[in-house]
Amino acid sequence: MGVEPSFNIGLHSRDLPLLEKIQTFFGVGNISIGNNNTAIYYVASVQDLTNVIIPHFDMFPLITKKRADYILKSALEIIHRKEPKNL
């Protein structure tokens, strides 16, 4: 079992148009509709995470408690360098 990084935003399904705008903005990722009134925009491609998502949040850092959730970058850097995956 290895590390499988991803980025996702989950909202109520009534906010699907917002997730579609986010997907269009980034130009990567997919949207999944759950059966419990949820919609999730997600990016699981390491290439898209490395080339699109991370650069965006490097340029426009989060300033809320979500900043703590932004450890994805460190994990991807470790994977990219093929170092031991002891996080």
Protein backbone atom coordinates (compact mmCIF):
# COMPACT_ATOMS: atom_id res chain seq x y z
CA MET A 1 0.00 0.00 0.00
CA GLY A 2 1.48 3.33 -1.04
CA VAL A 3 0.64 6.96 -0.64
CA GLU A 4 -2.16 8.10 -2.94
CA PRO A 5 -2.40 11.89 -2.82
CA SER A 6 -5.53 13.71 -3.87
CA PHE A 7 -7.23 17.07 -3.61
CA ASN A 8 -10.98 17.36 -3.14
CA ILE A 9 -13.73 19.78 -2.31
CA GLY A 10 -17.01 18.35 -1.07
CA LEU A 11 -20.22 20.39 -1.08
CA HIS A 12 -23.95 19.87 -1.00
CA SER A 13 -25.24 18.74 -4.39
CA ARG A 14 -27.16 22.02 -4.79
CA ASP A 15 -23.72 23.66 -5.11
CA LEU A 16 -22.78 21.55 -8.13
CA PRO A 17 -22.55 24.64 -10.40
CA LEU A 18 -19.83 26.06 -8.13
CA LEU A 19 -17.82 22.83 -8.33
CA GLU A 20 -18.21 22.88 -12.11
CA LYS A 21 -16.78 26.41 -12.18
CA ILE A 22 -13.85 25.28 -10.03
CA GLN A 23 -13.23 22.35 -12.36
CA THR A 24 -13.33 24.68 -15.36
CA PHE A 25 -10.96 27.12 -13.64
CA PHE A 26 -8.34 24.46 -12.93
CA GLY A 27 -8.94 22.53 -16.15
CA VAL A 28 -8.31 19.20 -14.40
CA GLY A 29 -10.14 16.79 -12.16
CA ASN A 30 -13.55 15.18 -12.00
CA ILE A 31 -16.82 15.65 -10.18
CA SER A 32 -18.61 12.83 -8.43
CA ILE A 33 -22.22 12.96 -7.26
CA GLY A 34 -22.98 10.96 -4.13
CA ASN A 35 -26.34 9.54 -3.14
CA ASN A 36 -26.35 11.51 0.13
CA ASN A 37 -26.80 14.98 -1.45
CA THR A 38 -23.07 15.52 -1.88
CA ALA A 39 -20.97 16.54 -4.83
CA ILE A 40 -17.19 16.21 -4.78
CA TYR A 41 -14.63 17.81 -7.06
CA TYR A 42 -11.45 15.75 -6.93
CA VAL A 43 -8.01 15.62 -8.51
CA ALA A 44 -6.03 12.41 -8.07
CA SER A 45 -3.47 12.65 -10.87
CA VAL A 46 -0.01 13.29 -9.42
CA GLN A 47 0.85 15.23 -12.57
CA ASP A 48 -2.21 17.49 -12.22
CA LEU A 49 -1.61 17.94 -8.51
CA THR A 50 2.04 18.84 -9.11
CA ASN A 51 1.53 21.08 -12.15
CA VAL A 52 -1.84 22.73 -11.45
CA ILE A 53 -3.20 22.46 -7.92
CA ILE A 54 -0.03 22.96 -5.86
CA PRO A 55 1.26 25.91 -7.91
CA HIS A 56 -2.12 27.62 -7.47
CA PHE A 57 -2.01 27.30 -3.69
CA ASP A 58 1.65 28.32 -3.63
CA MET A 59 0.66 31.53 -5.40
CA PHE A 60 -2.56 32.03 -3.41
CA PRO A 61 -2.02 30.43 0.02
CA LEU A 62 -4.93 29.44 2.19
CA ILE A 63 -5.35 31.65 5.24
CA THR A 64 -7.96 29.69 7.18
CA LYS A 65 -7.75 26.51 9.21
CA LYS A 66 -7.68 24.68 5.87
CA ARG A 67 -4.03 25.68 5.60
CA ALA A 68 -3.29 22.80 7.94
CA ASP A 69 -4.87 20.48 5.38
CA TYR A 70 -2.36 21.60 2.80
CA ILE A 71 0.27 19.04 3.69
CA LEU A 72 -0.36 17.42 0.32
CA LYS A 73 2.54 19.39 -1.12
CA SER A 74 5.05 17.84 1.26
CA ALA A 75 3.77 14.35 0.57
CA LEU A 76 3.99 14.88 -3.19
CA GLU A 77 7.50 16.25 -2.95
CA ILE A 78 8.56 13.12 -1.06
CA ILE A 79 6.91 10.88 -3.66
CA HIS A 80 8.46 12.84 -6.50
CA ARG A 81 11.95 12.50 -5.00
CA LYS A 82 11.26 8.78 -4.34
CA GLU A 83 12.43 9.09 -0.76
CA PRO A 84 11.23 6.72 1.95
CA LYS A 85 7.55 7.35 2.55
CA ASN A 86 7.71 7.66 6.32
CA LEU A 87 5.62 10.76 6.87
